[in-house]
Amino acid sequence: HTDAPIFEIVQHEPEKIEKPVLPAKLIKKVACGGAHSLLVTESGRLLTCGLNDSGQLGRGNLDNASEFDDVKGMESIADVAA
């Protein structure tokens, strides 16, 4: 038996992004889960980023992603929820 915490709380400081993935005017919808985010662009592209231990990024793997990237095979997306 240990007195170690079950969960570790990690808090990061915000960082300025020098070169955004997409200009804000192209982002139509944003959805955020507990540790992942989804973006839908005006043209219907779906981009995901964050933790992916259950496949929540929709990329066909369980790899975490620190940068937004397109979800292959998901075009013409109208809405998104996390």
PDB file of N, CA and C in Angstrom:
ATOM      1  N   HIS A   1       0.846  -1.184   0.000  1.00  0.00           N
ATOM      2  CA  HIS A   1       0.000   0.000   0.000  1.00  0.00           C
ATOM      3  C   HIS A   1       0.892   1.248   0.000  1.00  0.00           C
ATOM      4  N   THR A   2       0.610   2.140  -0.917  1.00  0.00           N
ATOM      5  CA  THR A   2       1.359   3.397  -0.964  1.00  0.00           C
ATOM      6  C   THR A   2       0.387   4.558  -0.821  1.00  0.00           C
ATOM      7  N   ASP A   3       0.934   5.686  -0.456  1.00  0.00           N
ATOM      8  CA  ASP A   3       0.110   6.891  -0.341  1.00  0.00           C
ATOM      9  C   ASP A   3       0.214   7.753  -1.595  1.00  0.00           C
ATOM     10  N   ALA A   4       0.718   7.180  -2.670  1.00  0.00           N
ATOM     11  CA  ALA A   4       0.856   7.930  -3.921  1.00  0.00           C
ATOM     12  C   ALA A   4      -0.527   8.236  -4.497  1.00  0.00           C
ATOM     13  N   PRO A   5      -0.683   9.413  -5.068  1.00  0.00           N
ATOM     14  CA  PRO A   5      -1.981   9.752  -5.663  1.00  0.00           C
ATOM     15  C   PRO A   5      -2.273   8.877  -6.881  1.00  0.00           C
ATOM     16  N   ILE A   6      -3.549   8.640  -7.124  1.00  0.00           N
ATOM     17  CA  ILE A   6      -3.960   7.854  -8.281  1.00  0.00           C
ATOM     18  C   ILE A   6      -3.749   8.661  -9.564  1.00  0.00           C
ATOM     19  N   PHE A   7      -4.083   9.940  -9.511  1.00  0.00           N
ATOM     20  CA  PHE A   7      -3.938  10.814 -10.662  1.00  0.00           C
ATOM     21  C   PHE A   7      -2.940  11.918 -10.341  1.00  0.00           C
ATOM     22  N   GLU A   8      -2.138  12.254 -11.300  1.00  0.00           N
ATOM     23  CA  GLU A   8      -1.207  13.350 -11.133  1.00  0.00           C
ATOM     24  C   GLU A   8      -1.766  14.570 -11.860  1.00  0.00           C
ATOM     25  N   ILE A   9      -1.791  15.696 -11.200  1.00  0.00           N
ATOM     26  CA  ILE A   9      -2.294  16.920 -11.819  1.00  0.00           C
ATOM     27  C   ILE A   9      -1.111  17.662 -12.432  1.00  0.00           C
ATOM     28  N   VAL A  10      -1.207  17.909 -13.720  1.00  0.00           N
ATOM     29  CA  VAL A  10      -0.171  18.629 -14.441  1.00  0.00           C
ATOM     30  C   VAL A  10      -0.818  19.852 -15.052  1.00  0.00           C
ATOM     31  N   GLN A  11      -0.256  20.997 -14.785  1.00  0.00           N
ATOM     32  CA  GLN A  11      -0.811  22.240 -15.315  1.00  0.00           C
ATOM     33  C   GLN A  11       0.260  22.921 -16.164  1.00  0.00           C
ATOM     34  N   HIS A  12      -0.098  23.233 -17.389  1.00  0.00           N
ATOM     35  CA  HIS A  12       0.829  23.859 -18.312  1.00  0.00           C
ATOM     36  C   HIS A  12       0.472  25.318 -18.502  1.00  0.00           C
ATOM     37  N   GLU A  13       1.466  26.117 -18.789  1.00  0.00           N
ATOM     38  CA  GLU A  13       1.245  27.524 -19.089  1.00  0.00           C
ATOM     39  C   GLU A  13       0.883  27.668 -20.569  1.00  0.00           C
ATOM     40  N   PRO A  14      -0.033  28.586 -20.897  1.00  0.00           N
ATOM     41  CA  PRO A  14      -0.368  28.802 -22.307  1.00  0.00           C
ATOM     42  C   PRO A  14       0.855  29.264 -23.091  1.00  0.00           C
ATOM     43  N   GLU A  15       0.915  28.855 -24.342  1.00  0.00           N
ATOM     44  CA  GLU A  15       2.002  29.262 -25.222  1.00  0.00           C
ATOM     45  C   GLU A  15       1.423  29.935 -26.456  1.00  0.00           C
ATOM     46  N   LYS A  16       2.060  31.001 -26.887  1.00  0.00           N
ATOM     47  CA  LYS A  16       1.640  31.674 -28.107  1.00  0.00           C
ATOM     48  C   LYS A  16       2.051  30.818 -29.304  1.00  0.00           C
ATOM     49  N   ILE A  17       1.121  30.619 -30.221  1.00  0.00           N
ATOM     50  CA  ILE A  17       1.409  29.873 -31.437  1.00  0.00           C
ATOM     51  C   ILE A  17       1.838  30.874 -32.493  1.00  0.00           C
ATOM     52  N   GLU A  18       3.052  30.722 -32.967  1.00  0.00           N
ATOM     53  CA  GLU A  18       3.604  31.667 -33.944  1.00  0.00           C
ATOM     54  C   GLU A  18       2.956  31.526 -35.310  1.00  0.00           C
ATOM     55  N   LYS A  19       2.705  30.302 -35.725  1.00  0.00           N
ATOM     56  CA  LYS A  19       2.133  30.067 -37.045  1.00  0.00           C
ATOM     57  C   LYS A  19       0.976  29.079 -36.888  1.00  0.00           C
ATOM     58  N   PRO A  20      -0.268  29.566 -36.808  1.00  0.00           N
ATOM     59  CA  PRO A  20      -1.408  28.659 -36.622  1.00  0.00           C
ATOM     60  C   PRO A  20      -1.560  27.694 -37.793  1.00  0.00           C
ATOM     61  N   VAL A  21      -2.151  26.536 -37.513  1.00  0.00           N
ATOM     62  CA  VAL A  21      -2.418  25.542 -38.545  1.00  0.00           C
ATOM     63  C   VAL A  21      -3.366  26.113 -39.587  1.00  0.00           C
ATOM     64  N   LEU A  22      -4.379  26.812 -39.132  1.00  0.00           N
ATOM     65  CA  LEU A  22      -5.385  27.406 -40.010  1.00  0.00           C
ATOM     66  C   LEU A  22      -5.710  28.813 -39.542  1.00  0.00           C
ATOM     67  N   PRO A  23      -5.978  29.715 -40.459  1.00  0.00           N
ATOM     68  CA  PRO A  23      -6.471  31.027 -40.024  1.00  0.00           C
ATOM     69  C   PRO A  23      -7.822  30.852 -39.326  1.00  0.00           C
ATOM     70  N   ALA A  24      -8.062  31.610 -38.290  1.00  0.00           N
ATOM     71  CA  ALA A  24      -9.294  31.484 -37.501  1.00  0.00           C
ATOM     72  C   ALA A  24     -10.545  31.613 -38.360  1.00  0.00           C
ATOM     73  N   LYS A  25     -10.491  32.415 -39.410  1.00  0.00           N
ATOM     74  CA  LYS A  25     -11.685  32.609 -40.234  1.00  0.00           C
ATOM     75  C   LYS A  25     -12.087  31.345 -40.990  1.00  0.00           C
ATOM     76  N   LEU A  26     -11.197  30.365 -41.103  1.00  0.00           N
ATOM     77  CA  LEU A  26     -11.526  29.121 -41.796  1.00  0.00           C
ATOM     78  C   LEU A  26     -12.143  28.072 -40.876  1.00  0.00           C
ATOM     79  N   ILE A  27     -12.112  28.303 -39.558  1.00  0.00           N
ATOM     80  CA  ILE A  27     -12.636  27.334 -38.597  1.00  0.00           C
ATOM     81  C   ILE A  27     -14.117  27.599 -38.379  1.00  0.00           C
ATOM     82  N   LYS A  28     -14.927  26.580 -38.654  1.00  0.00           N
ATOM     83  CA  LYS A  28     -16.385  26.688 -38.553  1.00  0.00           C
ATOM     84  C   LYS A  28     -16.908  26.205 -37.204  1.00  0.00           C
ATOM     85  N   LYS A  29     -16.380  25.076 -36.712  1.00  0.00           N
ATOM     86  CA  LYS A  29     -16.836  24.480 -35.452  1.00  0.00           C
ATOM     87  C   LYS A  29     -15.635  23.999 -34.648  1.00  0.00           C
ATOM     88  N   VAL A  30     -15.770  24.057 -33.328  1.00  0.00           N
ATOM     89  CA  VAL A  30     -14.762  23.557 -32.400  1.00  0.00           C
ATOM     90  C   VAL A  30     -15.470  22.704 -31.356  1.00  0.00           C
ATOM     91  N   ALA A  31     -14.909  21.551 -31.062  1.00  0.00           N
ATOM     92  CA  ALA A  31     -15.423  20.711 -29.982  1.00  0.00           C
ATOM     93  C   ALA A  31     -14.239  20.238 -29.152  1.00  0.00           C
ATOM     94  N   CYS A  32     -14.423  20.221 -27.843  1.00  0.00           N
ATOM     95  CA  CYS A  32     -13.340  19.818 -26.936  1.00  0.00           C
ATOM     96  C   CYS A  32     -13.819  18.729 -25.995  1.00  0.00           C
ATOM     97  N   GLY A  33     -13.022  17.690 -25.877  1.00  0.00           N
ATOM     98  CA  GLY A  33     -13.282  16.637 -24.912  1.00  0.00           C
ATOM     99  C   GLY A  33     -12.412  16.873 -23.693  1.00  0.00           C
ATOM    100  N   GLY A  34     -12.254  15.860 -22.875  1.00  0.00           N
ATOM    101  CA  GLY A  34     -11.459  15.992 -21.675  1.00  0.00           C
ATOM    102  C   GLY A  34     -10.002  16.312 -21.949  1.00  0.00           C
ATOM    103  N   ALA A  35      -9.456  15.769 -23.026  1.00  0.00           N
ATOM    104  CA  ALA A  35      -8.047  15.994 -23.351  1.00  0.00           C
ATOM    105  C   ALA A  35      -7.806  15.903 -24.859  1.00  0.00           C
ATOM    106  N   HIS A  36      -8.828  16.215 -25.648  1.00  0.00           N
ATOM    107  CA  HIS A  36      -8.670  16.239 -27.099  1.00  0.00           C
ATOM    108  C   HIS A  36      -9.581  17.314 -27.689  1.00  0.00           C
ATOM    109  N   SER A  37      -9.231  17.756 -28.888  1.00  0.00           N
ATOM    110  CA  SER A  37     -10.004  18.809 -29.549  1.00  0.00           C
ATOM    111  C   SER A  37     -10.239  18.441 -31.006  1.00  0.00           C
ATOM    112  N   LEU A  38     -11.367  18.921 -31.529  1.00  0.00           N
ATOM    113  CA  LEU A  38     -11.758  18.671 -32.912  1.00  0.00           C
ATOM    114  C   LEU A  38     -12.092  20.004 -33.568  1.00  0.00           C
ATOM    115  N   LEU A  39     -11.660  20.164 -34.813  1.00  0.00           N
ATOM    116  CA  LEU A  39     -11.975  21.369 -35.579  1.00  0.00           C
ATOM    117  C   LEU A  39     -12.629  20.961 -36.882  1.00  0.00           C
ATOM    118  N   VAL A  40     -13.646  21.707 -37.296  1.00  0.00           N
ATOM    119  CA  VAL A  40     -14.236  21.545 -38.619  1.00  0.00           C
ATOM    120  C   VAL A  40     -14.028  22.860 -39.349  1.00  0.00           C
ATOM    121  N   THR A  41     -13.506  22.780 -40.565  1.00  0.00           N
ATOM    122  CA  THR A  41     -13.254  23.985 -41.347  1.00  0.00           C
ATOM    123  C   THR A  41     -14.474  24.334 -42.192  1.00  0.00           C
ATOM    124  N   GLU A  42     -14.471  25.520 -42.753  1.00  0.00           N
ATOM    125  CA  GLU A  42     -15.552  25.956 -43.640  1.00  0.00           C
ATOM    126  C   GLU A  42     -15.710  25.011 -44.824  1.00  0.00           C
ATOM    127  N   SER A  43     -14.624  24.394 -45.265  1.00  0.00           N
ATOM    128  CA  SER A  43     -14.690  23.484 -46.405  1.00  0.00           C
ATOM    129  C   SER A  43     -15.042  22.048 -46.011  1.00  0.00           C
ATOM    130  N   GLY A  44     -15.257  21.787 -44.693  1.00  0.00           N
ATOM    131  CA  GLY A  44     -15.678  20.465 -44.241  1.00  0.00           C
ATOM    132  C   GLY A  44     -14.562  19.527 -43.829  1.00  0.00           C
ATOM    133  N   ARG A  45     -13.329  20.026 -43.717  1.00  0.00           N
ATOM    134  CA  ARG A  45     -12.220  19.195 -43.231  1.00  0.00           C
ATOM    135  C   ARG A  45     -12.365  18.987 -41.729  1.00  0.00           C
ATOM    136  N   LEU A  46     -11.970  17.819 -41.238  1.00  0.00           N
ATOM    137  CA  LEU A  46     -11.970  17.520 -39.810  1.00  0.00           C
ATOM    138  C   LEU A  46     -10.532  17.375 -39.363  1.00  0.00           C
ATOM    139  N   LEU A  47     -10.132  18.177 -38.372  1.00  0.00           N
ATOM    140  CA  LEU A  47      -8.785  18.109 -37.810  1.00  0.00           C
ATOM    141  C   LEU A  47      -8.902  17.774 -36.332  1.00  0.00           C
ATOM    142  N   THR A  48      -7.991  16.924 -35.830  1.00  0.00           N
ATOM    143  CA  THR A  48      -8.034  16.516 -34.431  1.00  0.00           C
ATOM    144  C   THR A  48      -6.658  16.633 -33.796  1.00  0.00           C
ATOM    145  N   CYS A  49      -6.663  16.714 -32.458  1.00  0.00           N
ATOM    146  CA  CYS A  49      -5.423  16.868 -31.705  1.00  0.00           C
ATOM    147  C   CYS A  49      -5.698  16.475 -30.258  1.00  0.00           C
ATOM    148  N   GLY A  50      -4.696  15.896 -29.575  1.00  0.00           N
ATOM    149  CA  GLY A  50      -4.828  15.618 -28.148  1.00  0.00           C
ATOM    150  C   GLY A  50      -4.555  14.167 -27.799  1.00  0.00           C
ATOM    151  N   LEU A  51      -5.073  13.750 -26.641  1.00  0.00           N
ATOM    152  CA  LEU A  51      -4.914  12.366 -26.204  1.00  0.00           C
ATOM    153  C   LEU A  51      -5.788  11.467 -27.069  1.00  0.00           C
ATOM    154  N   ASN A  52      -5.330  10.233 -27.271  1.00  0.00           N
ATOM    155  CA  ASN A  52      -6.009   9.336 -28.195  1.00  0.00           C
ATOM    156  C   ASN A  52      -6.008   7.901 -27.690  1.00  0.00           C
ATOM    157  N   ASP A  53      -6.044   7.707 -26.373  1.00  0.00           N
ATOM    158  CA  ASP A  53      -5.937   6.363 -25.803  1.00  0.00           C
ATOM    159  C   ASP A  53      -7.118   5.457 -26.132  1.00  0.00           C
ATOM    160  N   SER A  54      -8.240   6.028 -26.559  1.00  0.00           N
ATOM    161  CA  SER A  54      -9.410   5.231 -26.949  1.00  0.00           C
ATOM    162  C   SER A  54      -9.749   5.417 -28.423  1.00  0.00           C
ATOM    163  N   GLY A  55      -8.862   6.030 -29.182  1.00  0.00           N
ATOM    164  CA  GLY A  55      -9.118   6.267 -30.595  1.00  0.00           C
ATOM    165  C   GLY A  55     -10.007   7.461 -30.878  1.00  0.00           C
ATOM    166  N   GLN A  56     -10.162   8.336 -29.895  1.00  0.00           N
ATOM    167  CA  GLN A  56     -11.087   9.462 -30.032  1.00  0.00           C
ATOM    168  C   GLN A  56     -10.686  10.481 -31.099  1.00  0.00           C
ATOM    169  N   LEU A  57      -9.451  10.415 -31.587  1.00  0.00           N
ATOM    170  CA  LEU A  57      -9.042  11.336 -32.651  1.00  0.00           C
ATOM    171  C   LEU A  57      -9.469  10.847 -34.027  1.00  0.00           C
ATOM    172  N   GLY A  58      -9.899   9.598 -34.138  1.00  0.00           N
ATOM    173  CA  GLY A  58     -10.397   9.079 -35.403  1.00  0.00           C
ATOM    174  C   GLY A  58      -9.331   8.869 -36.457  1.00  0.00           C
ATOM    175  N   ARG A  59      -8.096   8.689 -36.045  1.00  0.00           N
ATOM    176  CA  ARG A  59      -6.988   8.570 -36.994  1.00  0.00           C
ATOM    177  C   ARG A  59      -6.602   7.126 -37.309  1.00  0.00           C
ATOM    178  N   GLY A  60      -7.313   6.165 -36.757  1.00  0.00           N
ATOM    179  CA  GLY A  60      -7.006   4.769 -37.043  1.00  0.00           C
ATOM    180  C   GLY A  60      -5.873   4.202 -36.216  1.00  0.00           C
ATOM    181  N   ASN A  61      -5.485   4.903 -35.152  1.00  0.00           N
ATOM    182  CA  ASN A  61      -4.435   4.404 -34.266  1.00  0.00           C
ATOM    183  C   ASN A  61      -4.713   4.922 -32.855  1.00  0.00           C
ATOM    184  N   LEU A  62      -3.841   4.632 -31.928  1.00  0.00           N
ATOM    185  CA  LEU A  62      -4.003   5.104 -30.548  1.00  0.00           C
ATOM    186  C   LEU A  62      -2.887   6.064 -30.152  1.00  0.00           C
ATOM    187  N   ASP A  63      -2.245   6.681 -31.141  1.00  0.00           N
ATOM    188  CA  ASP A  63      -1.153   7.616 -30.878  1.00  0.00           C
ATOM    189  C   ASP A  63      -1.694   8.989 -30.503  1.00  0.00           C
ATOM    190  N   ASN A  64      -1.160   9.574 -29.427  1.00  0.00           N
ATOM    191  CA  ASN A  64      -1.514  10.943 -29.051  1.00  0.00           C
ATOM    192  C   ASN A  64      -0.954  11.901 -30.094  1.00  0.00           C
ATOM    193  N   ALA A  65      -1.574  13.065 -30.228  1.00  0.00           N
ATOM    194  CA  ALA A  65      -1.130  14.037 -31.231  1.00  0.00           C
ATOM    195  C   ALA A  65      -1.023  15.417 -30.597  1.00  0.00           C
ATOM    196  N   SER A  66       0.148  16.036 -30.726  1.00  0.00           N
ATOM    197  CA  SER A  66       0.351  17.365 -30.152  1.00  0.00           C
ATOM    198  C   SER A  66       0.036  18.477 -31.154  1.00  0.00           C
ATOM    199  N   GLU A  67      -0.233  18.105 -32.401  1.00  0.00           N
ATOM    200  CA  GLU A  67      -0.579  19.092 -33.425  1.00  0.00           C
ATOM    201  C   GLU A  67      -1.814  18.631 -34.182  1.00  0.00           C
ATOM    202  N   PHE A  68      -2.611  19.584 -34.628  1.00  0.00           N
ATOM    203  CA  PHE A  68      -3.799  19.256 -35.409  1.00  0.00           C
ATOM    204  C   PHE A  68      -3.394  18.667 -36.749  1.00  0.00           C
ATOM    205  N   ASP A  69      -4.161  17.650 -37.180  1.00  0.00           N
ATOM    206  CA  ASP A  69      -3.942  17.047 -38.488  1.00  0.00           C
ATOM    207  C   ASP A  69      -5.288  16.549 -39.006  1.00  0.00           C
ATOM    208  N   ASP A  70      -5.382  16.463 -40.339  1.00  0.00           N
ATOM    209  CA  ASP A  70      -6.617  15.989 -40.973  1.00  0.00           C
ATOM    210  C   ASP A  70      -6.908  14.540 -40.613  1.00  0.00           C
ATOM    211  N   VAL A  71      -8.198  14.229 -40.467  1.00  0.00           N
ATOM    212  CA  VAL A  71      -8.635  12.848 -40.320  1.00  0.00           C
ATOM    213  C   VAL A  71      -8.926  12.352 -41.731  1.00  0.00           C
ATOM    214  N   LYS A  72      -8.180  11.357 -42.162  1.00  0.00           N
ATOM    215  CA  LYS A  72      -8.318  10.834 -43.516  1.00  0.00           C
ATOM    216  C   LYS A  72      -9.670  10.145 -43.703  1.00  0.00           C
ATOM    217  N   GLY A  73     -10.274  10.329 -44.852  1.00  0.00           N
ATOM    218  CA  GLY A  73     -11.555   9.700 -45.156  1.00  0.00           C
ATOM    219  C   GLY A  73     -12.752  10.424 -44.578  1.00  0.00           C
ATOM    220  N   MET A  74     -12.536  11.586 -43.963  1.00  0.00           N
ATOM    221  CA  MET A  74     -13.628  12.355 -43.359  1.00  0.00           C
ATOM    222  C   MET A  74     -13.693  13.713 -44.044  1.00  0.00           C
ATOM    223  N   GLU A  75     -14.389  13.777 -45.147  1.00  0.00           N
ATOM    224  CA  GLU A  75     -14.547  15.023 -45.862  1.00  0.00           C
ATOM    225  C   GLU A  75     -15.997  15.473 -45.775  1.00  0.00           C
ATOM    226  N   SER A  76     -16.233  16.724 -46.009  1.00  0.00           N
ATOM    227  CA  SER A  76     -17.583  17.304 -46.014  1.00  0.00           C
ATOM    228  C   SER A  76     -18.290  17.150 -44.669  1.00  0.00           C
ATOM    229  N   ILE A  77     -17.553  17.332 -43.572  1.00  0.00           N
ATOM    230  CA  ILE A  77     -18.117  17.264 -42.230  1.00  0.00           C
ATOM    231  C   ILE A  77     -18.908  18.539 -41.965  1.00  0.00           C
ATOM    232  N   ALA A  78     -20.121  18.406 -41.439  1.00  0.00           N
ATOM    233  CA  ALA A  78     -20.976  19.561 -41.165  1.00  0.00           C
ATOM    234  C   ALA A  78     -20.972  19.937 -39.693  1.00  0.00           C
ATOM    235  N   ASP A  79     -20.846  18.944 -38.798  1.00  0.00           N
ATOM    236  CA  ASP A  79     -20.947  19.215 -37.366  1.00  0.00           C
ATOM    237  C   ASP A  79     -20.016  18.262 -36.622  1.00  0.00           C
ATOM    238  N   VAL A  80     -19.700  18.615 -35.377  1.00  0.00           N
ATOM    239  CA  VAL A  80     -18.800  17.798 -34.585  1.00  0.00           C
ATOM    240  C   VAL A  80     -19.130  17.971 -33.105  1.00  0.00           C
ATOM    241  N   ALA A  81     -18.912  16.920 -32.320  1.00  0.00           N
ATOM    242  CA  ALA A  81     -19.085  16.960 -30.863  1.00  0.00           C
ATOM    243  C   ALA A  81     -18.030  16.058 -30.245  1.00  0.00           C
ATOM    244  N   ALA A  82     -17.650  16.353 -29.018  1.00  0.00           N
ATOM    245  CA  ALA A  82     -16.641  15.540 -28.346  1.00  0.00           C
ATOM    246  C   ALA A  82     -17.193  15.008 -27.042  1.00  0.00           C
TER     247      ALA A  82
END
